[in-house]
PDB file of N, CA and C in Angstrom:
ATOM      1  N   PHE A   1       0.824  -1.184   0.000  1.00  0.00           N
ATOM      2  CA  PHE A   1       0.000   0.000   0.000  1.00  0.00           C
ATOM      3  C   PHE A   1       0.866   1.244   0.000  1.00  0.00           C
ATOM      4  N   CYS A   2       1.892   1.224   0.813  1.00  0.00           N
ATOM      5  CA  CYS A   2       2.758   2.400   0.931  1.00  0.00           C
ATOM      6  C   CYS A   2       3.489   2.691  -0.388  1.00  0.00           C
ATOM      7  N   ALA A   3       3.948   1.636  -1.076  1.00  0.00           N
ATOM      8  CA  ALA A   3       4.633   1.828  -2.358  1.00  0.00           C
ATOM      9  C   ALA A   3       3.669   2.384  -3.402  1.00  0.00           C
ATOM     10  N   CYS A   4       2.419   1.918  -3.392  1.00  0.00           N
ATOM     11  CA  CYS A   4       1.421   2.446  -4.331  1.00  0.00           C
ATOM     12  C   CYS A   4       1.125   3.915  -4.051  1.00  0.00           C
ATOM     13  N   LEU A   5       1.030   4.268  -2.789  1.00  0.00           N
ATOM     14  CA  LEU A   5       0.796   5.652  -2.413  1.00  0.00           C
ATOM     15  C   LEU A   5       1.962   6.540  -2.848  1.00  0.00           C
ATOM     16  N   CYS A   6       3.170   6.071  -2.648  1.00  0.00           N
ATOM     17  CA  CYS A   6       4.339   6.861  -3.050  1.00  0.00           C
ATOM     18  C   CYS A   6       4.445   6.964  -4.567  1.00  0.00           C
ATOM     19  N   THR A   7       4.026   5.943  -5.293  1.00  0.00           N
ATOM     20  CA  THR A   7       4.015   6.016  -6.755  1.00  0.00           C
ATOM     21  C   THR A   7       3.049   7.090  -7.214  1.00  0.00           C
ATOM     22  N   PHE A   8       1.920   7.198  -6.553  1.00  0.00           N
ATOM     23  CA  PHE A   8       0.974   8.272  -6.860  1.00  0.00           C
ATOM     24  C   PHE A   8       1.568   9.637  -6.519  1.00  0.00           C
ATOM     25  N   LEU A   9       2.271   9.739  -5.383  1.00  0.00           N
ATOM     26  CA  LEU A   9       2.875  11.005  -4.984  1.00  0.00           C
ATOM     27  C   LEU A   9       3.996  11.434  -5.923  1.00  0.00           C
ATOM     28  N   VAL A  10       4.715  10.473  -6.502  1.00  0.00           N
ATOM     29  CA  VAL A  10       5.796  10.804  -7.428  1.00  0.00           C
ATOM     30  C   VAL A  10       5.253  11.513  -8.657  1.00  0.00           C
ATOM     31  N   ARG A  11       4.049  11.134  -9.073  1.00  0.00           N
ATOM     32  CA  ARG A  11       3.447  11.815 -10.225  1.00  0.00           C
ATOM     33  C   ARG A  11       3.120  13.268  -9.898  1.00  0.00           C
ATOM     34  N   LEU A  12       2.742  13.531  -8.660  1.00  0.00           N
ATOM     35  CA  LEU A  12       2.426  14.910  -8.269  1.00  0.00           C
ATOM     36  C   LEU A  12       3.680  15.720  -7.952  1.00  0.00           C
ATOM     37  N   TRP A  13       4.644  15.066  -7.287  1.00  0.00           N
ATOM     38  CA  TRP A  13       5.850  15.754  -6.834  1.00  0.00           C
ATOM     39  C   TRP A  13       7.049  14.842  -7.056  1.00  0.00           C
ATOM     40  N   PRO A  14       7.667  14.924  -8.246  1.00  0.00           N
ATOM     41  CA  PRO A  14       8.788  14.019  -8.536  1.00  0.00           C
ATOM     42  C   PRO A  14      10.020  14.357  -7.694  1.00  0.00           C
ATOM     43  N   ALA A  15      10.424  13.416  -6.901  1.00  0.00           N
ATOM     44  CA  ALA A  15      11.610  13.585  -6.067  1.00  0.00           C
ATOM     45  C   ALA A  15      12.409  12.294  -6.103  1.00  0.00           C
ATOM     46  N   PRO A  16      13.757  12.385  -6.257  1.00  0.00           N
ATOM     47  CA  PRO A  16      14.557  11.166  -6.331  1.00  0.00           C
ATOM     48  C   PRO A  16      14.489  10.329  -5.060  1.00  0.00           C
ATOM     49  N   GLY A  17      14.292  10.927  -3.918  1.00  0.00           N
ATOM     50  CA  GLY A  17      14.195  10.181  -2.670  1.00  0.00           C
ATOM     51  C   GLY A  17      12.991   9.257  -2.637  1.00  0.00           C
ATOM     52  N   LEU A  18      11.892   9.672  -3.273  1.00  0.00           N
ATOM     53  CA  LEU A  18      10.705   8.820  -3.301  1.00  0.00           C
ATOM     54  C   LEU A  18      10.933   7.576  -4.152  1.00  0.00           C
ATOM     55  N   TYR A  19      11.691   7.722  -5.237  1.00  0.00           N
ATOM     56  CA  TYR A  19      12.008   6.546  -6.057  1.00  0.00           C
ATOM     57  C   TYR A  19      12.820   5.534  -5.259  1.00  0.00           C
ATOM     58  N   ARG A  20      13.768   6.016  -4.497  1.00  0.00           N
ATOM     59  CA  ARG A  20      14.569   5.113  -3.661  1.00  0.00           C
ATOM     60  C   ARG A  20      13.706   4.459  -2.586  1.00  0.00           C
ATOM     61  N   PHE A  21      12.831   5.241  -2.009  1.00  0.00           N
ATOM     62  CA  PHE A  21      11.945   4.710  -0.981  1.00  0.00           C
ATOM     63  C   PHE A  21      11.039   3.619  -1.558  1.00  0.00           C
ATOM     64  N   ILE A  22      10.490   3.848  -2.748  1.00  0.00           N
ATOM     65  CA  ILE A  22       9.632   2.855  -3.390  1.00  0.00           C
ATOM     66  C   ILE A  22      10.426   1.582  -3.665  1.00  0.00           C
ATOM     67  N   GLY A  23      11.648   1.735  -4.168  1.00  0.00           N
ATOM     68  CA  GLY A  23      12.483   0.570  -4.453  1.00  0.00           C
ATOM     69  C   GLY A  23      12.817  -0.223  -3.195  1.00  0.00           C
ATOM     70  N   CYS A  24      13.186   0.475  -2.142  1.00  0.00           N
ATOM     71  CA  CYS A  24      13.501  -0.201  -0.871  1.00  0.00           C
ATOM     72  C   CYS A  24      12.269  -0.889  -0.296  1.00  0.00           C
ATOM     73  N   HIS A  25      11.143  -0.227  -0.383  1.00  0.00           N
ATOM     74  CA  HIS A  25       9.916  -0.790   0.172  1.00  0.00           C
ATOM     75  C   HIS A  25       9.496  -2.045  -0.595  1.00  0.00           C
ATOM     76  N   LEU A  26       9.564  -2.011  -1.916  1.00  0.00           N
ATOM     77  CA  LEU A  26       9.199  -3.187  -2.702  1.00  0.00           C
ATOM     78  C   LEU A  26      10.186  -4.327  -2.494  1.00  0.00           C
ATOM     79  N   THR A  27      11.472  -4.008  -2.361  1.00  0.00           N
ATOM     80  CA  THR A  27      12.474  -5.040  -2.095  1.00  0.00           C
ATOM     81  C   THR A  27      12.208  -5.719  -0.756  1.00  0.00           C
ATOM     82  N   LEU A  28      11.907  -4.933   0.252  1.00  0.00           N
ATOM     83  CA  LEU A  28      11.616  -5.494   1.571  1.00  0.00           C
ATOM     84  C   LEU A  28      10.343  -6.337   1.547  1.00  0.00           C
ATOM     85  N   ALA A  29       9.337  -5.886   0.807  1.00  0.00           N
ATOM     86  CA  ALA A  29       8.090  -6.647   0.718  1.00  0.00           C
ATOM     87  C   ALA A  29       8.317  -7.985   0.013  1.00  0.00           C
ATOM     88  N   LEU A  30       9.099  -7.982  -1.059  1.00  0.00           N
ATOM     89  CA  LEU A  30       9.380  -9.235  -1.765  1.00  0.00           C
ATOM     90  C   LEU A  30      10.253 -10.166  -0.928  1.00  0.00           C
ATOM     91  N   PHE A  31      11.207  -9.605  -0.196  1.00  0.00           N
ATOM     92  CA  PHE A  31      12.042 -10.416   0.684  1.00  0.00           C
ATOM     93  C   PHE A  31      11.198 -11.084   1.764  1.00  0.00           C
ATOM     94  N   ASN A  32      10.211 -10.378   2.266  1.00  0.00           N
ATOM     95  CA  ASN A  32       9.348 -10.906   3.317  1.00  0.00           C
ATOM     96  C   ASN A  32       8.491 -12.075   2.821  1.00  0.00           C
ATOM     97  N   LEU A  33       8.342 -12.211   1.504  1.00  0.00           N
ATOM     98  CA  LEU A  33       7.555 -13.306   0.945  1.00  0.00           C
ATOM     99  C   LEU A  33       8.367 -14.573   0.712  1.00  0.00           C
ATOM    100  N   LEU A  34       9.657 -14.567   1.046  1.00  0.00           N
ATOM    101  CA  LEU A  34      10.460 -15.782   0.909  1.00  0.00           C
ATOM    102  C   LEU A  34       9.897 -16.884   1.809  1.00  0.00           C
ATOM    103  N   PRO A  35       9.928 -18.129   1.345  1.00  0.00           N
ATOM    104  CA  PRO A  35       9.328 -19.215   2.137  1.00  0.00           C
ATOM    105  C   PRO A  35      10.226 -19.722   3.256  1.00  0.00           C
ATOM    106  N   ALA A  36      10.611 -18.836   4.144  1.00  0.00           N
ATOM    107  CA  ALA A  36      11.403 -19.203   5.320  1.00  0.00           C
ATOM    108  C   ALA A  36      10.577 -18.858   6.546  1.00  0.00           C
ATOM    109  N   LEU A  37      10.633 -19.691   7.548  1.00  0.00           N
ATOM    110  CA  LEU A  37       9.676 -19.634   8.655  1.00  0.00           C
ATOM    111  C   LEU A  37       9.624 -18.325   9.439  1.00  0.00           C
ATOM    112  N   PRO A  38      10.698 -17.609   9.689  1.00  0.00           N
ATOM    113  CA  PRO A  38      10.481 -16.369  10.431  1.00  0.00           C
ATOM    114  C   PRO A  38       9.767 -15.294   9.609  1.00  0.00           C
ATOM    115  N   LEU A  39       9.724 -15.441   8.305  1.00  0.00           N
ATOM    116  CA  LEU A  39       9.110 -14.442   7.432  1.00  0.00           C
ATOM    117  C   LEU A  39       7.654 -14.802   7.162  1.00  0.00           C
ATOM    118  N   ASP A  40       6.906 -13.843   6.623  1.00  0.00           N
ATOM    119  CA  ASP A  40       5.494 -14.077   6.347  1.00  0.00           C
ATOM    120  C   ASP A  40       5.277 -15.142   5.282  1.00  0.00           C
ATOM    121  N   GLY A  41       6.171 -15.215   4.299  1.00  0.00           N
ATOM    122  CA  GLY A  41       6.061 -16.263   3.282  1.00  0.00           C
ATOM    123  C   GLY A  41       6.203 -17.646   3.889  1.00  0.00           C
ATOM    124  N   GLY A  42       7.053 -17.784   4.889  1.00  0.00           N
ATOM    125  CA  GLY A  42       7.209 -19.056   5.578  1.00  0.00           C
ATOM    126  C   GLY A  42       5.982 -19.420   6.390  1.00  0.00           C
ATOM    127  N   ARG A  43       5.372 -18.431   6.991  1.00  0.00           N
ATOM    128  CA  ARG A  43       4.149 -18.706   7.758  1.00  0.00           C
ATOM    129  C   ARG A  43       3.002 -19.120   6.836  1.00  0.00           C
ATOM    130  N   ALA A  44       2.917 -18.468   5.676  1.00  0.00           N
ATOM    131  CA  ALA A  44       1.886 -18.843   4.704  1.00  0.00           C
ATOM    132  C   ALA A  44       2.139 -20.253   4.177  1.00  0.00           C
ATOM    133  N   LEU A  45       3.404 -20.566   3.897  1.00  0.00           N
ATOM    134  CA  LEU A  45       3.751 -21.909   3.436  1.00  0.00           C
ATOM    135  C   LEU A  45       3.428 -22.949   4.506  1.00  0.00           C
ATOM    136  N   GLN A  46       3.736 -22.632   5.749  1.00  0.00           N
ATOM    137  CA  GLN A  46       3.450 -23.571   6.834  1.00  0.00           C
ATOM    138  C   GLN A  46       1.949 -23.810   6.966  1.00  0.00           C
ATOM    139  N   ALA A  47       1.156 -22.761   6.870  1.00  0.00           N
ATOM    140  CA  ALA A  47      -0.296 -22.937   6.963  1.00  0.00           C
ATOM    141  C   ALA A  47      -0.822 -23.783   5.811  1.00  0.00           C
ATOM    142  N   LEU A  48      -0.275 -23.562   4.616  1.00  0.00           N
ATOM    143  CA  LEU A  48      -0.686 -24.336   3.457  1.00  0.00           C
ATOM    144  C   LEU A  48      -0.297 -25.811   3.605  1.00  0.00           C
ATOM    145  N   LEU A  49       0.928 -26.056   4.049  1.00  0.00           N
ATOM    146  CA  LEU A  49       1.385 -27.437   4.195  1.00  0.00           C
ATOM    147  C   LEU A  49       0.687 -28.158   5.343  1.00  0.00           C
ATOM    148  N   GLU A  50       0.421 -27.452   6.430  1.00  0.00           N
ATOM    149  CA  GLU A  50      -0.260 -28.091   7.559  1.00  0.00           C
ATOM    150  C   GLU A  50      -1.717 -28.403   7.247  1.00  0.00           C
ATOM    151  N   SER A  51      -2.307 -27.667   6.306  1.00  0.00           N
ATOM    152  CA  SER A  51      -3.673 -28.018   5.914  1.00  0.00           C
ATOM    153  C   SER A  51      -3.690 -29.312   5.112  1.00  0.00           C
ATOM    154  N   ARG A  52      -2.600 -29.593   4.427  1.00  0.00           N
ATOM    155  CA  ARG A  52      -2.504 -30.829   3.638  1.00  0.00           C
ATOM    156  C   ARG A  52      -1.935 -31.982   4.460  1.00  0.00           C
ATOM    157  N   TRP A  53      -0.844 -31.730   5.172  1.00  0.00           N
ATOM    158  CA  TRP A  53      -0.177 -32.742   6.003  1.00  0.00           C
ATOM    159  C   TRP A  53      -0.048 -32.191   7.416  1.00  0.00           C
ATOM    160  N   PRO A  54      -1.004 -32.452   8.299  1.00  0.00           N
ATOM    161  CA  PRO A  54      -1.011 -31.832   9.628  1.00  0.00           C
ATOM    162  C   PRO A  54       0.217 -32.136  10.482  1.00  0.00           C
ATOM    163  N   PHE A  55       0.780 -33.310  10.355  1.00  0.00           N
ATOM    164  CA  PHE A  55       1.894 -33.671  11.235  1.00  0.00           C
ATOM    165  C   PHE A  55       3.260 -33.361  10.635  1.00  0.00           C
ATOM    166  N   ALA A  56       3.333 -33.206   9.331  1.00  0.00           N
ATOM    167  CA  ALA A  56       4.628 -32.979   8.687  1.00  0.00           C
ATOM    168  C   ALA A  56       4.783 -31.575   8.123  1.00  0.00           C
ATOM    169  N   GLY A  57       3.757 -30.752   8.175  1.00  0.00           N
ATOM    170  CA  GLY A  57       3.810 -29.418   7.574  1.00  0.00           C
ATOM    171  C   GLY A  57       4.888 -28.530   8.161  1.00  0.00           C
ATOM    172  N   GLU A  58       5.011 -28.520   9.478  1.00  0.00           N
ATOM    173  CA  GLU A  58       6.022 -27.682  10.119  1.00  0.00           C
ATOM    174  C   GLU A  58       7.431 -28.176   9.800  1.00  0.00           C
ATOM    175  N   ASP A  59       7.619 -29.474   9.767  1.00  0.00           N
ATOM    176  CA  ASP A  59       8.935 -30.028   9.451  1.00  0.00           C
ATOM    177  C   ASP A  59       9.356 -29.692   8.027  1.00  0.00           C
ATOM    178  N   ILE A  60       8.425 -29.820   7.084  1.00  0.00           N
ATOM    179  CA  ILE A  60       8.732 -29.490   5.694  1.00  0.00           C
ATOM    180  C   ILE A  60       9.052 -28.009   5.563  1.00  0.00           C
ATOM    181  N   THR A  61       8.320 -27.163   6.282  1.00  0.00           N
ATOM    182  CA  THR A  61       8.580 -25.729   6.244  1.00  0.00           C
ATOM    183  C   THR A  61       9.953 -25.399   6.812  1.00  0.00           C
ATOM    184  N   ARG A  62      10.354 -26.075   7.875  1.00  0.00           N
ATOM    185  CA  ARG A  62      11.688 -25.849   8.436  1.00  0.00           C
ATOM    186  C   ARG A  62      12.783 -26.245   7.453  1.00  0.00           C
ATOM    187  N   ILE A  63      12.596 -27.358   6.761  1.00  0.00           N
ATOM    188  CA  ILE A  63      13.592 -27.809   5.793  1.00  0.00           C
ATOM    189  C   ILE A  63      13.691 -26.819   4.632  1.00  0.00           C
ATOM    190  N   ILE A  64      12.551 -26.372   4.122  1.00  0.00           N
ATOM    191  CA  ILE A  64      12.561 -25.390   3.032  1.00  0.00           C
ATOM    192  C   ILE A  64      13.182 -24.085   3.507  1.00  0.00           C
ATOM    193  N   GLY A  65      12.850 -23.644   4.720  1.00  0.00           N
ATOM    194  CA  GLY A  65      13.439 -22.427   5.271  1.00  0.00           C
ATOM    195  C   GLY A  65      14.944 -22.540   5.441  1.00  0.00           C
ATOM    196  N   GLY A  66      15.409 -23.714   5.868  1.00  0.00           N
ATOM    197  CA  GLY A  66      16.847 -23.930   5.974  1.00  0.00           C
ATOM    198  C   GLY A  66      17.533 -23.859   4.625  1.00  0.00           C
ATOM    199  N   GLY A  67      16.882 -24.408   3.596  1.00  0.00           N
ATOM    200  CA  GLY A  67      17.433 -24.331   2.240  1.00  0.00           C
ATOM    201  C   GLY A  67      17.484 -22.902   1.726  1.00  0.00           C
ATOM    202  N   VAL A  68      16.427 -22.141   1.992  1.00  0.00           N
ATOM    203  CA  VAL A  68      16.414 -20.735   1.589  1.00  0.00           C
ATOM    204  C   VAL A  68      17.506 -19.966   2.322  1.00  0.00           C
ATOM    205  N   GLY A  69      17.658 -20.223   3.612  1.00  0.00           N
ATOM    206  CA  GLY A  69      18.716 -19.566   4.378  1.00  0.00           C
ATOM    207  C   GLY A  69      20.097 -19.911   3.863  1.00  0.00           C
ATOM    208  N   LEU A  70      20.313 -21.171   3.509  1.00  0.00           N
ATOM    209  CA  LEU A  70      21.605 -21.595   2.974  1.00  0.00           C
ATOM    210  C   LEU A  70      21.903 -20.919   1.640  1.00  0.00           C
ATOM    211  N   VAL A  71      20.908 -20.845   0.767  1.00  0.00           N
ATOM    212  CA  VAL A  71      21.100 -20.164  -0.520  1.00  0.00           C
ATOM    213  C   VAL A  71      21.420 -18.687  -0.303  1.00  0.00           C
ATOM    214  N   LEU A  72      20.719 -18.051   0.624  1.00  0.00           N
ATOM    215  CA  LEU A  72      20.989 -16.639   0.905  1.00  0.00           C
ATOM    216  C   LEU A  72      22.380 -16.435   1.493  1.00  0.00           C
ATOM    217  N   VAL A  73      22.835 -17.349   2.334  1.00  0.00           N
ATOM    218  CA  VAL A  73      24.188 -17.245   2.886  1.00  0.00           C
ATOM    219  C   VAL A  73      25.222 -17.376   1.768  1.00  0.00           C
ATOM    220  N   LEU A  74      25.022 -18.329   0.873  1.00  0.00           N
ATOM    221  CA  LEU A  74      25.967 -18.504  -0.228  1.00  0.00           C
ATOM    222  C   LEU A  74      25.975 -17.291  -1.165  1.00  0.00           C
ATOM    223  N   LEU A  75      24.786 -16.774  -1.493  1.00  0.00           N
ATOM    224  CA  LEU A  75      24.724 -15.560  -2.309  1.00  0.00           C
ATOM    225  C   LEU A  75      25.320 -14.368  -1.563  1.00  0.00           C
ATOM    226  N   GLY A  76      25.068 -14.308  -0.264  1.00  0.00           N
ATOM    227  CA  GLY A  76      25.623 -13.225   0.540  1.00  0.00           C
ATOM    228  C   GLY A  76      27.136 -13.258   0.601  1.00  0.00           C
ATOM    229  N   LEU A  77      27.720 -14.460   0.652  1.00  0.00           N
ATOM    230  CA  LEU A  77      29.181 -14.580   0.618  1.00  0.00           C
ATOM    231  C   LEU A  77      29.735 -14.067  -0.710  1.00  0.00           C
ATOM    232  N   ARG A  78      29.041 -14.380  -1.805  1.00  0.00           N
ATOM    233  CA  ARG A  78      29.490 -13.899  -3.115  1.00  0.00           C
ATOM    234  C   ARG A  78      29.371 -12.383  -3.214  1.00  0.00           C
ATOM    235  N   ILE A  79      28.274 -11.833  -2.737  1.00  0.00           N
ATOM    236  CA  ILE A  79      28.094 -10.375  -2.774  1.00  0.00           C
ATOM    237  C   ILE A  79      29.104  -9.693  -1.856  1.00  0.00           C
ATOM    238  N   LEU A  80      29.382 -10.303  -0.716  1.00  0.00           N
ATOM    239  CA  LEU A  80      30.396  -9.753   0.190  1.00  0.00           C
ATOM    240  C   LEU A  80      31.765  -9.736  -0.487  1.00  0.00           C
ATOM    241  N   GLN A  81      32.042 -10.758  -1.258  1.00  0.00           N
ATOM    242  CA  GLN A  81      33.309 -10.838  -1.975  1.00  0.00           C
ATOM    243  C   GLN A  81      33.387  -9.782  -3.082  1.00  0.00           C
ATOM    244  N   ILE A  82      32.278  -9.497  -3.741  1.00  0.00           N
ATOM    245  CA  ILE A  82      32.281  -8.554  -4.866  1.00  0.00           C
ATOM    246  C   ILE A  82      32.295  -7.108  -4.392  1.00  0.00           C
ATOM    247  N   ASN A  83      31.346  -6.725  -3.537  1.00  0.00           N
ATOM    248  CA  ASN A  83      31.246  -5.297  -3.187  1.00  0.00           C
ATOM    249  C   ASN A  83      31.215  -5.015  -1.687  1.00  0.00           C
ATOM    250  N   ARG A  84      31.638  -5.966  -0.869  1.00  0.00           N
ATOM    251  CA  ARG A  84      31.810  -5.766   0.579  1.00  0.00           C
ATOM    252  C   ARG A  84      30.523  -5.347   1.304  1.00  0.00           C
ATOM    253  N   ASN A  85      29.388  -5.896   0.866  1.00  0.00           N
ATOM    254  CA  ASN A  85      28.114  -5.594   1.510  1.00  0.00           C
ATOM    255  C   ASN A  85      27.632  -6.852   2.244  1.00  0.00           C
ATOM    256  N   PRO A  86      27.598  -6.841   3.580  1.00  0.00           N
ATOM    257  CA  PRO A  86      27.238  -8.037   4.339  1.00  0.00           C
ATOM    258  C   PRO A  86      25.741  -8.203   4.606  1.00  0.00           C
ATOM    259  N   THR A  87      24.893  -7.403   3.990  1.00  0.00           N
ATOM    260  CA  THR A  87      23.472  -7.413   4.324  1.00  0.00           C
ATOM    261  C   THR A  87      22.809  -8.748   4.016  1.00  0.00           C
ATOM    262  N   LEU A  88      22.984  -9.263   2.810  1.00  0.00           N
ATOM    263  CA  LEU A  88      22.346 -10.524   2.439  1.00  0.00           C
ATOM    264  C   LEU A  88      22.922 -11.692   3.228  1.00  0.00           C
ATOM    265  N   LEU A  89      24.200 -11.649   3.495  1.00  0.00           N
ATOM    266  CA  LEU A  89      24.834 -12.690   4.313  1.00  0.00           C
ATOM    267  C   LEU A  89      24.229 -12.714   5.711  1.00  0.00           C
ATOM    268  N   THR A  90      24.040 -11.552   6.295  1.00  0.00           N
ATOM    269  CA  THR A  90      23.449 -11.457   7.629  1.00  0.00           C
ATOM    270  C   THR A  90      22.004 -11.954   7.632  1.00  0.00           C
ATOM    271  N   ALA A  91      21.220 -11.528   6.637  1.00  0.00           N
ATOM    272  CA  ALA A  91      19.824 -11.969   6.560  1.00  0.00           C
ATOM    273  C   ALA A  91      19.743 -13.472   6.357  1.00  0.00           C
ATOM    274  N   GLY A  92      20.604 -14.019   5.521  1.00  0.00           N
ATOM    275  CA  GLY A  92      20.614 -15.459   5.302  1.00  0.00           C
ATOM    276  C   GLY A  92      21.002 -16.227   6.550  1.00  0.00           C
ATOM    277  N   ALA A  93      21.969 -15.692   7.303  1.00  0.00           N
ATOM    278  CA  ALA A  93      22.392 -16.350   8.541  1.00  0.00           C
ATOM    279  C   ALA A  93      21.260 -16.350   9.567  1.00  0.00           C
ATOM    280  N   VAL A  94      20.535 -15.246   9.666  1.00  0.00           N
ATOM    281  CA  VAL A  94      19.415 -15.184  10.614  1.00  0.00           C
ATOM    282  C   VAL A  94      18.335 -16.184  10.215  1.00  0.00           C
ATOM    283  N   ILE A  95      18.015 -16.242   8.930  1.00  0.00           N
ATOM    284  CA  ILE A  95      16.994 -17.190   8.470  1.00  0.00           C
ATOM    285  C   ILE A  95      17.457 -18.626   8.693  1.00  0.00           C
ATOM    286  N   LEU A  96      18.725 -18.891   8.421  1.00  0.00           N
ATOM    287  CA  LEU A  96      19.257 -20.241   8.614  1.00  0.00           C
ATOM    288  C   LEU A  96      19.222 -20.640  10.085  1.00  0.00           C
ATOM    289  N   LEU A  97      19.556 -19.716  10.961  1.00  0.00           N
ATOM    290  CA  LEU A  97      19.519 -20.017  12.398  1.00  0.00           C
ATOM    291  C   LEU A  97      18.092 -20.164  12.909  1.00  0.00           C
ATOM    292  N   LYS A  98      17.174 -19.383  12.377  1.00  0.00           N
ATOM    293  CA  LYS A  98      15.783 -19.452  12.812  1.00  0.00           C
ATOM    294  C   LYS A  98      15.047 -20.664  12.263  1.00  0.00           C
ATOM    295  N   SER A  99      15.562 -21.262  11.185  1.00  0.00           N
ATOM    296  CA  SER A  99      14.870 -22.411  10.606  1.00  0.00           C
ATOM    297  C   SER A  99      14.963 -23.628  11.514  1.00  0.00           C
ATOM    298  N   ASP A 100      16.016 -23.713  12.329  1.00  0.00           N
ATOM    299  CA  ASP A 100      16.133 -24.737  13.370  1.00  0.00           C
ATOM    300  C   ASP A 100      16.065 -26.157  12.808  1.00  0.00           C
ATOM    301  N   VAL A 101      16.763 -26.397  11.701  1.00  0.00           N
ATOM    302  CA  VAL A 101      16.756 -27.718  11.078  1.00  0.00           C
ATOM    303  C   VAL A 101      17.482 -28.737  11.950  1.00  0.00           C
ATOM    304  N   LYS A 102      18.497 -28.296  12.706  1.00  0.00           N
ATOM    305  CA  LYS A 102      19.249 -29.214  13.567  1.00  0.00           C
ATOM    306  C   LYS A 102      18.339 -29.827  14.637  1.00  0.00           C
ATOM    307  N   THR A 103      17.472 -29.029  15.219  1.00  0.00           N
ATOM    308  CA  THR A 103      16.555 -29.548  16.227  1.00  0.00           C
ATOM    309  C   THR A 103      15.592 -30.547  15.612  1.00  0.00           C
ATOM    310  N   LEU A 104      15.226 -30.314  14.373  1.00  0.00           N
ATOM    311  CA  LEU A 104      14.347 -31.240  13.675  1.00  0.00           C
ATOM    312  C   LEU A 104      14.998 -32.614  13.566  1.00  0.00           C
ATOM    313  N   TYR A 105      16.287 -32.631  13.210  1.00  0.00           N
ATOM    314  CA  TYR A 105      17.001 -33.905  13.076  1.00  0.00           C
ATOM    315  C   TYR A 105      17.144 -34.600  14.429  1.00  0.00           C
ATOM    316  N   THR A 106      17.513 -33.858  15.461  1.00  0.00           N
ATOM    317  CA  THR A 106      17.716 -34.489  16.767  1.00  0.00           C
ATOM    318  C   THR A 106      16.388 -34.940  17.373  1.00  0.00           C
ATOM    319  N   SER A 107      15.294 -34.222  17.111  1.00  0.00           N
ATOM    320  CA  SER A 107      14.023 -34.663  17.672  1.00  0.00           C
ATOM    321  C   SER A 107      13.533 -35.933  16.970  1.00  0.00           C
ATOM    322  N   ARG A 108      13.821 -36.097  15.697  1.00  0.00           N
ATOM    323  CA  ARG A 108      13.455 -37.320  14.995  1.00  0.00           C
ATOM    324  C   ARG A 108      14.318 -38.487  15.466  1.00  0.00           C
ATOM    325  N   LYS A 109      15.583 -38.200  15.773  1.00  0.00           N
ATOM    326  CA  LYS A 109      16.507 -39.242  16.198  1.00  0.00           C
ATOM    327  C   LYS A 109      16.100 -39.798  17.560  1.00  0.00           C
ATOM    328  N   ASN A 110      15.568 -38.951  18.441  1.00  0.00           N
ATOM    329  CA  ASN A 110      15.243 -39.390  19.800  1.00  0.00           C
ATOM    330  C   ASN A 110      13.887 -40.096  19.883  1.00  0.00           C
ATOM    331  N   CYS A 111      13.076 -40.057  18.841  1.00  0.00           N
ATOM    332  CA  CYS A 111      11.752 -40.687  18.896  1.00  0.00           C
ATOM    333  C   CYS A 111      11.801 -42.171  18.865  1.00  0.00           C
TER     334      CYS A 111
END
């Protein structure tokens, strides 16, 4: 909603700062839709999977979230190597740590 409002405002009052704000806002919104559990996309995926497989939905979501976190960490390492920006690496590490795949393995092992 905010990006749409700013797009309307840019037509009335063109300012370079609004273009940057729109870009940052859309990037953050798309990032939030990634299918990793701490993000909204992960919660939507978990709800969808739990409606189909009630006992395995959360586990599948954790595995997918761990994979997304791992991909983001690897991409973040490459971006850090190219232009010294640790943002994606940090976000990927947080998602990877929050996915808690290790606990999933140990809880299955103890059953």
